[in-house]
PDB file of N, CA and C in Angstrom:
ATOM      1  N   MET A   1     -62.583-219.582-191.865  1.00  0.00           N
ATOM      2  CA  MET A   1     -62.579-219.836-193.285  1.00  0.00           C
ATOM      3  C   MET A   1     -62.716-218.519-194.051  1.00  0.00           C
ATOM      4  N   TRP A   2     -63.666-217.665-193.635  1.00  0.00           N
ATOM      5  CA  TRP A   2     -63.901-216.386-194.312  1.00  0.00           C
ATOM      6  C   TRP A   2     -62.627-215.569-194.389  1.00  0.00           C
ATOM      7  N   GLU A   3     -61.939-215.434-193.261  1.00  0.00           N
ATOM      8  CA  GLU A   3     -60.730-214.608-193.214  1.00  0.00           C
ATOM      9  C   GLU A   3     -59.650-215.147-194.157  1.00  0.00           C
ATOM     10  N   LYS A   4     -59.457-216.452-194.152  1.00  0.00           N
ATOM     11  CA  LYS A   4     -58.408-217.040-195.000  1.00  0.00           C
ATOM     12  C   LYS A   4     -58.742-216.917-196.482  1.00  0.00           C
ATOM     13  N   LEU A   5     -59.989-217.165-196.836  1.00  0.00           N
ATOM     14  CA  LEU A   5     -60.364-217.068-198.252  1.00  0.00           C
ATOM     15  C   LEU A   5     -60.319-215.634-198.762  1.00  0.00           C
ATOM     16  N   SER A   6     -60.700-214.676-197.918  1.00  0.00           N
ATOM     17  CA  SER A   6     -60.747-213.287-198.384  1.00  0.00           C
ATOM     18  C   SER A   6     -59.396-212.580-198.311  1.00  0.00           C
ATOM     19  N   ALA A   7     -58.413-213.187-197.650  1.00  0.00           N
ATOM     20  CA  ALA A   7     -57.083-212.567-197.552  1.00  0.00           C
ATOM     21  C   ALA A   7     -56.486-212.391-198.950  1.00  0.00           C
ATOM     22  N   GLY A   8     -56.142-211.167-199.284  1.00  0.00           N
ATOM     23  CA  GLY A   8     -55.576-210.883-200.598  1.00  0.00           C
ATOM     24  C   GLY A   8     -56.614-210.747-201.692  1.00  0.00           C
ATOM     25  N   GLY A   9     -57.878-210.844-201.310  1.00  0.00           N
ATOM     26  CA  GLY A   9     -58.959-210.717-202.288  1.00  0.00           C
ATOM     27  C   GLY A   9     -59.863-209.563-201.927  1.00  0.00           C
ATOM     28  N   SER A  10     -61.149-209.743-202.160  1.00  0.00           N
ATOM     29  CA  SER A  10     -62.104-208.688-201.835  1.00  0.00           C
ATOM     30  C   SER A  10     -63.371-209.295-201.243  1.00  0.00           C
ATOM     31  N   ARG A  11     -64.098-208.469-200.499  1.00  0.00           N
ATOM     32  CA  ARG A  11     -65.332-208.901-199.849  1.00  0.00           C
ATOM     33  C   ARG A  11     -66.508-208.186-200.490  1.00  0.00           C
ATOM     34  N   ALA A  12     -67.650-208.865-200.514  1.00  0.00           N
ATOM     35  CA  ALA A  12     -68.857-208.267-201.082  1.00  0.00           C
ATOM     36  C   ALA A  12     -70.039-208.568-200.166  1.00  0.00           C
ATOM     37  N   GLN A  13     -71.211-208.189-200.594  1.00  0.00           N
ATOM     38  CA  GLN A  13     -72.431-208.329-199.817  1.00  0.00           C
ATOM     39  C   GLN A  13     -72.888-209.782-199.725  1.00  0.00           C
ATOM     40  N   CYS A  14     -73.593-210.112-198.643  1.00  0.00           N
ATOM     41  CA  CYS A  14     -74.296-211.391-198.456  1.00  0.00           C
ATOM     42  C   CYS A  14     -73.382-212.609-198.416  1.00  0.00           C
ATOM     43  N   GLY A  15     -72.205-212.461-197.848  1.00  0.00           N
ATOM     44  CA  GLY A  15     -71.314-213.597-197.705  1.00  0.00           C
ATOM     45  C   GLY A  15     -70.439-213.889-198.910  1.00  0.00           C
ATOM     46  N   TRP A  16     -70.516-213.065-199.939  1.00  0.00           N
ATOM     47  CA  TRP A  16     -69.683-213.270-201.124  1.00  0.00           C
ATOM     48  C   TRP A  16     -68.298-212.686-200.910  1.00  0.00           C
ATOM     49  N   LEU A  17     -67.303-213.354-201.465  1.00  0.00           N
ATOM     50  CA  LEU A  17     -65.937-212.846-201.452  1.00  0.00           C
ATOM     51  C   LEU A  17     -65.215-213.350-202.681  1.00  0.00           C
ATOM     52  N   LYS A  18     -64.115-212.721-202.992  1.00  0.00           N
ATOM     53  CA  LYS A  18     -63.255-213.156-204.092  1.00  0.00           C
ATOM     54  C   LYS A  18     -61.892-213.415-203.476  1.00  0.00           C
ATOM     55  N   ASP A  19     -61.353-214.621-203.703  1.00  0.00           N
ATOM     56  CA  ASP A  19     -60.055-214.957-203.117  1.00  0.00           C
ATOM     57  C   ASP A  19     -58.916-214.313-203.913  1.00  0.00           C
ATOM     58  N   ARG A  20     -57.700-214.540-203.483  1.00  0.00           N
ATOM     59  CA  ARG A  20     -56.543-213.889-204.117  1.00  0.00           C
ATOM     60  C   ARG A  20     -56.316-214.344-205.557  1.00  0.00           C
ATOM     61  N   PHE A  21     -56.962-215.440-205.956  1.00  0.00           N
ATOM     62  CA  PHE A  21     -56.827-215.944-207.323  1.00  0.00           C
ATOM     63  C   PHE A  21     -57.963-215.462-208.232  1.00  0.00           C
ATOM     64  N   GLY A  22     -58.903-214.709-207.652  1.00  0.00           N
ATOM     65  CA  GLY A  22     -60.027-214.198-208.420  1.00  0.00           C
ATOM     66  C   GLY A  22     -61.239-215.111-208.454  1.00  0.00           C
ATOM     67  N   VAL A  23     -61.208-216.194-207.664  1.00  0.00           N
ATOM     68  CA  VAL A  23     -62.337-217.119-207.608  1.00  0.00           C
ATOM     69  C   VAL A  23     -63.363-216.588-206.606  1.00  0.00           C
ATOM     70  N   SER A  24     -64.627-216.546-207.010  1.00  0.00           N
ATOM     71  CA  SER A  24     -65.697-216.065-206.130  1.00  0.00           C
ATOM     72  C   SER A  24     -66.261-217.204-205.296  1.00  0.00           C
ATOM     73  N   TRP A  25     -66.560-216.894-204.040  1.00  0.00           N
ATOM     74  CA  TRP A  25     -67.118-217.845-203.084  1.00  0.00           C
ATOM     75  C   TRP A  25     -68.264-217.162-202.349  1.00  0.00           C
ATOM     76  N   GLN A  26     -69.235-217.962-201.918  1.00  0.00           N
ATOM     77  CA  GLN A  26     -70.239-217.449-200.992  1.00  0.00           C
ATOM     78  C   GLN A  26     -70.242-218.372-199.785  1.00  0.00           C
ATOM     79  N   ILE A  27     -69.943-217.803-198.633  1.00  0.00           N
ATOM     80  CA  ILE A  27     -69.907-218.558-197.385  1.00  0.00           C
ATOM     81  C   ILE A  27     -71.250-218.346-196.690  1.00  0.00           C
ATOM     82  N   VAL A  28     -72.044-219.415-196.595  1.00  0.00           N
ATOM     83  CA  VAL A  28     -73.391-219.320-196.038  1.00  0.00           C
ATOM     84  C   VAL A  28     -73.550-220.346-194.917  1.00  0.00           C
ATOM     85  N   PRO A  29     -73.808-219.890-193.691  1.00  0.00           N
ATOM     86  CA  PRO A  29     -74.044-220.832-192.600  1.00  0.00           C
ATOM     87  C   PRO A  29     -75.367-221.578-192.816  1.00  0.00           C
ATOM     88  N   THR A  30     -75.417-222.849-192.463  1.00  0.00           N
ATOM     89  CA  THR A  30     -76.626-223.652-192.679  1.00  0.00           C
ATOM     90  C   THR A  30     -77.827-223.083-191.934  1.00  0.00           C
ATOM     91  N   VAL A  31     -77.591-222.467-190.799  1.00  0.00           N
ATOM     92  CA  VAL A  31     -78.695-221.902-190.017  1.00  0.00           C
ATOM     93  C   VAL A  31     -79.412-220.792-190.792  1.00  0.00           C
ATOM     94  N   LEU A  32     -78.736-220.134-191.698  1.00  0.00           N
ATOM     95  CA  LEU A  32     -79.365-219.070-192.485  1.00  0.00           C
ATOM     96  C   LEU A  32     -80.504-219.638-193.334  1.00  0.00           C
ATOM     97  N   GLY A  33     -80.266-220.749-193.989  1.00  0.00           N
ATOM     98  CA  GLY A  33     -81.312-221.380-194.792  1.00  0.00           C
ATOM     99  C   GLY A  33     -82.515-221.782-193.957  1.00  0.00           C
ATOM    100  N   GLU A  34     -82.253-222.282-192.760  1.00  0.00           N
ATOM    101  CA  GLU A  34     -83.341-222.672-191.864  1.00  0.00           C
ATOM    102  C   GLU A  34     -84.178-221.452-191.478  1.00  0.00           C
ATOM    103  N   MET A  35     -83.508-220.347-191.172  1.00  0.00           N
ATOM    104  CA  MET A  35     -84.229-219.134-190.779  1.00  0.00           C
ATOM    105  C   MET A  35     -85.024-218.555-191.945  1.00  0.00           C
ATOM    106  N   LEU A  36     -84.439-218.548-193.127  1.00  0.00           N
ATOM    107  CA  LEU A  36     -85.121-217.975-194.288  1.00  0.00           C
ATOM    108  C   LEU A  36     -86.307-218.818-194.745  1.00  0.00           C
ATOM    109  N   ASN A  37     -86.311-220.102-194.392  1.00  0.00           N
ATOM    110  CA  ASN A  37     -87.417-220.984-194.760  1.00  0.00           C
ATOM    111  C   ASN A  37     -88.463-221.122-193.659  1.00  0.00           C
ATOM    112  N   ASP A  38     -88.379-220.288-192.636  1.00  0.00           N
ATOM    113  CA  ASP A  38     -89.349-220.330-191.541  1.00  0.00           C
ATOM    114  C   ASP A  38     -90.742-220.016-192.092  1.00  0.00           C
ATOM    115  N   PRO A  39     -91.765-220.752-191.660  1.00  0.00           N
ATOM    116  CA  PRO A  39     -93.127-220.475-192.125  1.00  0.00           C
ATOM    117  C   PRO A  39     -93.622-219.074-191.738  1.00  0.00           C
ATOM    118  N   ASP A  40     -93.055-218.509-190.685  1.00  0.00           N
ATOM    119  CA  ASP A  40     -93.397-217.142-190.279  1.00  0.00           C
ATOM    120  C   ASP A  40     -92.614-216.193-191.187  1.00  0.00           C
ATOM    121  N   ARG A  41     -93.281-215.676-192.208  1.00  0.00           N
ATOM    122  CA  ARG A  41     -92.604-214.856-193.216  1.00  0.00           C
ATOM    123  C   ARG A  41     -92.028-213.568-192.638  1.00  0.00           C
ATOM    124  N   ALA A  42     -92.615-213.044-191.572  1.00  0.00           N
ATOM    125  CA  ALA A  42     -92.081-211.824-190.950  1.00  0.00           C
ATOM    126  C   ALA A  42     -90.714-212.100-190.329  1.00  0.00           C
ATOM    127  N   ARG A  43     -90.574-213.248-189.685  1.00  0.00           N
ATOM    128  CA  ARG A  43     -89.271-213.622-189.105  1.00  0.00           C
ATOM    129  C   ARG A  43     -88.233-213.774-190.207  1.00  0.00           C
ATOM    130  N   ALA A  44     -88.610-214.495-191.248  1.00  0.00           N
ATOM    131  CA  ALA A  44     -87.689-214.721-192.360  1.00  0.00           C
ATOM    132  C   ALA A  44     -87.285-213.399-193.013  1.00  0.00           C
ATOM    133  N   GLN A  45     -88.224-212.483-193.150  1.00  0.00           N
ATOM    134  CA  GLN A  45     -87.925-211.193-193.769  1.00  0.00           C
ATOM    135  C   GLN A  45     -86.981-210.364-192.904  1.00  0.00           C
ATOM    136  N   ARG A  46     -87.144-210.411-191.581  1.00  0.00           N
ATOM    137  CA  ARG A  46     -86.220-209.691-190.686  1.00  0.00           C
ATOM    138  C   ARG A  46     -84.799-210.198-190.872  1.00  0.00           C
ATOM    139  N   VAL A  47     -84.662-211.513-190.963  1.00  0.00           N
ATOM    140  CA  VAL A  47     -83.336-212.106-191.166  1.00  0.00           C
ATOM    141  C   VAL A  47     -82.766-211.659-192.509  1.00  0.00           C
ATOM    142  N   MET A  48     -83.570-211.687-193.557  1.00  0.00           N
ATOM    143  CA  MET A  48     -83.116-211.266-194.883  1.00  0.00           C
ATOM    144  C   MET A  48     -82.680-209.807-194.872  1.00  0.00           C
ATOM    145  N   ASP A  49     -83.461-208.951-194.236  1.00  0.00           N
ATOM    146  CA  ASP A  49     -83.132-207.527-194.178  1.00  0.00           C
ATOM    147  C   ASP A  49     -81.787-207.294-193.498  1.00  0.00           C
ATOM    148  N   VAL A  50     -81.532-208.016-192.411  1.00  0.00           N
ATOM    149  CA  VAL A  50     -80.263-207.880-191.686  1.00  0.00           C
ATOM    150  C   VAL A  50     -79.116-208.438-192.527  1.00  0.00           C
ATOM    151  N   MET A  51     -79.333-209.600-193.146  1.00  0.00           N
ATOM    152  CA  MET A  51     -78.273-210.225-193.931  1.00  0.00           C
ATOM    153  C   MET A  51     -77.844-209.363-195.115  1.00  0.00           C
ATOM    154  N   LEU A  52     -78.787-208.675-195.739  1.00  0.00           N
ATOM    155  CA  LEU A  52     -78.464-207.855-196.907  1.00  0.00           C
ATOM    156  C   LEU A  52     -77.536-206.688-196.573  1.00  0.00           C
ATOM    157  N   LYS A  53     -77.421-206.349-195.307  1.00  0.00           N
ATOM    158  CA  LYS A  53     -76.527-205.272-194.878  1.00  0.00           C
ATOM    159  C   LYS A  53     -75.133-205.779-194.525  1.00  0.00           C
ATOM    160  N   MET A  54     -74.940-207.093-194.556  1.00  0.00           N
ATOM    161  CA  MET A  54     -73.672-207.699-194.138  1.00  0.00           C
ATOM    162  C   MET A  54     -72.803-208.039-195.337  1.00  0.00           C
ATOM    163  N   SER A  55     -71.499-208.083-195.110  1.00  0.00           N
ATOM    164  CA  SER A  55     -70.612-208.728-196.073  1.00  0.00           C
ATOM    165  C   SER A  55     -70.311-210.104-195.482  1.00  0.00           C
ATOM    166  N   ARG A  56     -69.547-210.149-194.420  1.00  0.00           N
ATOM    167  CA  ARG A  56     -69.349-211.413-193.707  1.00  0.00           C
ATOM    168  C   ARG A  56     -70.604-211.675-192.882  1.00  0.00           C
ATOM    169  N   ILE A  57     -71.196-212.843-193.035  1.00  0.00           N
ATOM    170  CA  ILE A  57     -72.448-213.154-192.356  1.00  0.00           C
ATOM    171  C   ILE A  57     -72.174-213.476-190.890  1.00  0.00           C
ATOM    172  N   ASP A  58     -72.844-212.740-190.019  1.00  0.00           N
ATOM    173  CA  ASP A  58     -72.689-212.867-188.570  1.00  0.00           C
ATOM    174  C   ASP A  58     -73.890-213.630-188.010  1.00  0.00           C
ATOM    175  N   ILE A  59     -73.671-214.874-187.612  1.00  0.00           N
ATOM    176  CA  ILE A  59     -74.750-215.740-187.147  1.00  0.00           C
ATOM    177  C   ILE A  59     -75.440-215.158-185.917  1.00  0.00           C
ATOM    178  N   ARG A  60     -74.678-214.604-184.997  1.00  0.00           N
ATOM    179  CA  ARG A  60     -75.269-214.049-183.771  1.00  0.00           C
ATOM    180  C   ARG A  60     -76.276-212.936-184.108  1.00  0.00           C
ATOM    181  N   THR A  61     -75.910-212.058-185.008  1.00  0.00           N
ATOM    182  CA  THR A  61     -76.804-210.965-185.405  1.00  0.00           C
ATOM    183  C   THR A  61     -78.042-211.500-186.118  1.00  0.00           C
ATOM    184  N   LEU A  62     -77.868-212.520-186.946  1.00  0.00           N
ATOM    185  CA  LEU A  62     -79.016-213.131-187.622  1.00  0.00           C
ATOM    186  C   LEU A  62     -79.978-213.743-186.609  1.00  0.00           C
ATOM    187  N   LYS A  63     -79.431-214.429-185.614  1.00  0.00           N
ATOM    188  CA  LYS A  63     -80.277-215.051-184.587  1.00  0.00           C
ATOM    189  C   LYS A  63     -81.037-214.002-183.786  1.00  0.00           C
ATOM    190  N   GLN A  64     -80.405-212.868-183.521  1.00  0.00           N
ATOM    191  CA  GLN A  64     -81.093-211.790-182.799  1.00  0.00           C
ATOM    192  C   GLN A  64     -82.277-211.277-183.611  1.00  0.00           C
ATOM    193  N   ALA A  65     -82.087-211.081-184.895  1.00  0.00           N
ATOM    194  CA  ALA A  65     -83.179-210.625-185.760  1.00  0.00           C
ATOM    195  C   ALA A  65     -84.289-211.670-185.823  1.00  0.00           C
ATOM    196  N   TYR A  66     -83.912-212.923-185.851  1.00  0.00           N
ATOM    197  CA  TYR A  66     -84.866-214.028-185.938  1.00  0.00           C
ATOM    198  C   TYR A  66     -85.739-214.112-184.687  1.00  0.00           C
ATOM    199  N   LYS A  67     -85.143-213.844-183.533  1.00  0.00           N
ATOM    200  CA  LYS A  67     -85.862-213.991-182.257  1.00  0.00           C
ATOM    201  C   LYS A  67     -86.685-212.771-181.864  1.00  0.00           C
ATOM    202  N   GLN A  68     -86.582-211.671-182.591  1.00  0.00           N
ATOM    203  CA  GLN A  68     -87.337-210.446-182.248  1.00  0.00           C
ATOM    204  C   GLN A  68     -88.827-210.673-182.278  1.00  0.00           C
TER     205      GLN A  68
END
């Protein structure tokens, strides 16, 4: 989905992109919300720190940060 929506458009931080028509979208995997709402704030913060460095959100990398 990310590749098709961003084709002919532009990519931005944290899963945001603009399609070829200029419409902005944010593609967010459901697992991200679960990780960010973890009661262990240190785990959630690690995930947030990693996500802020991404344009396209990589679930595998988020899970690695979560499990540290």
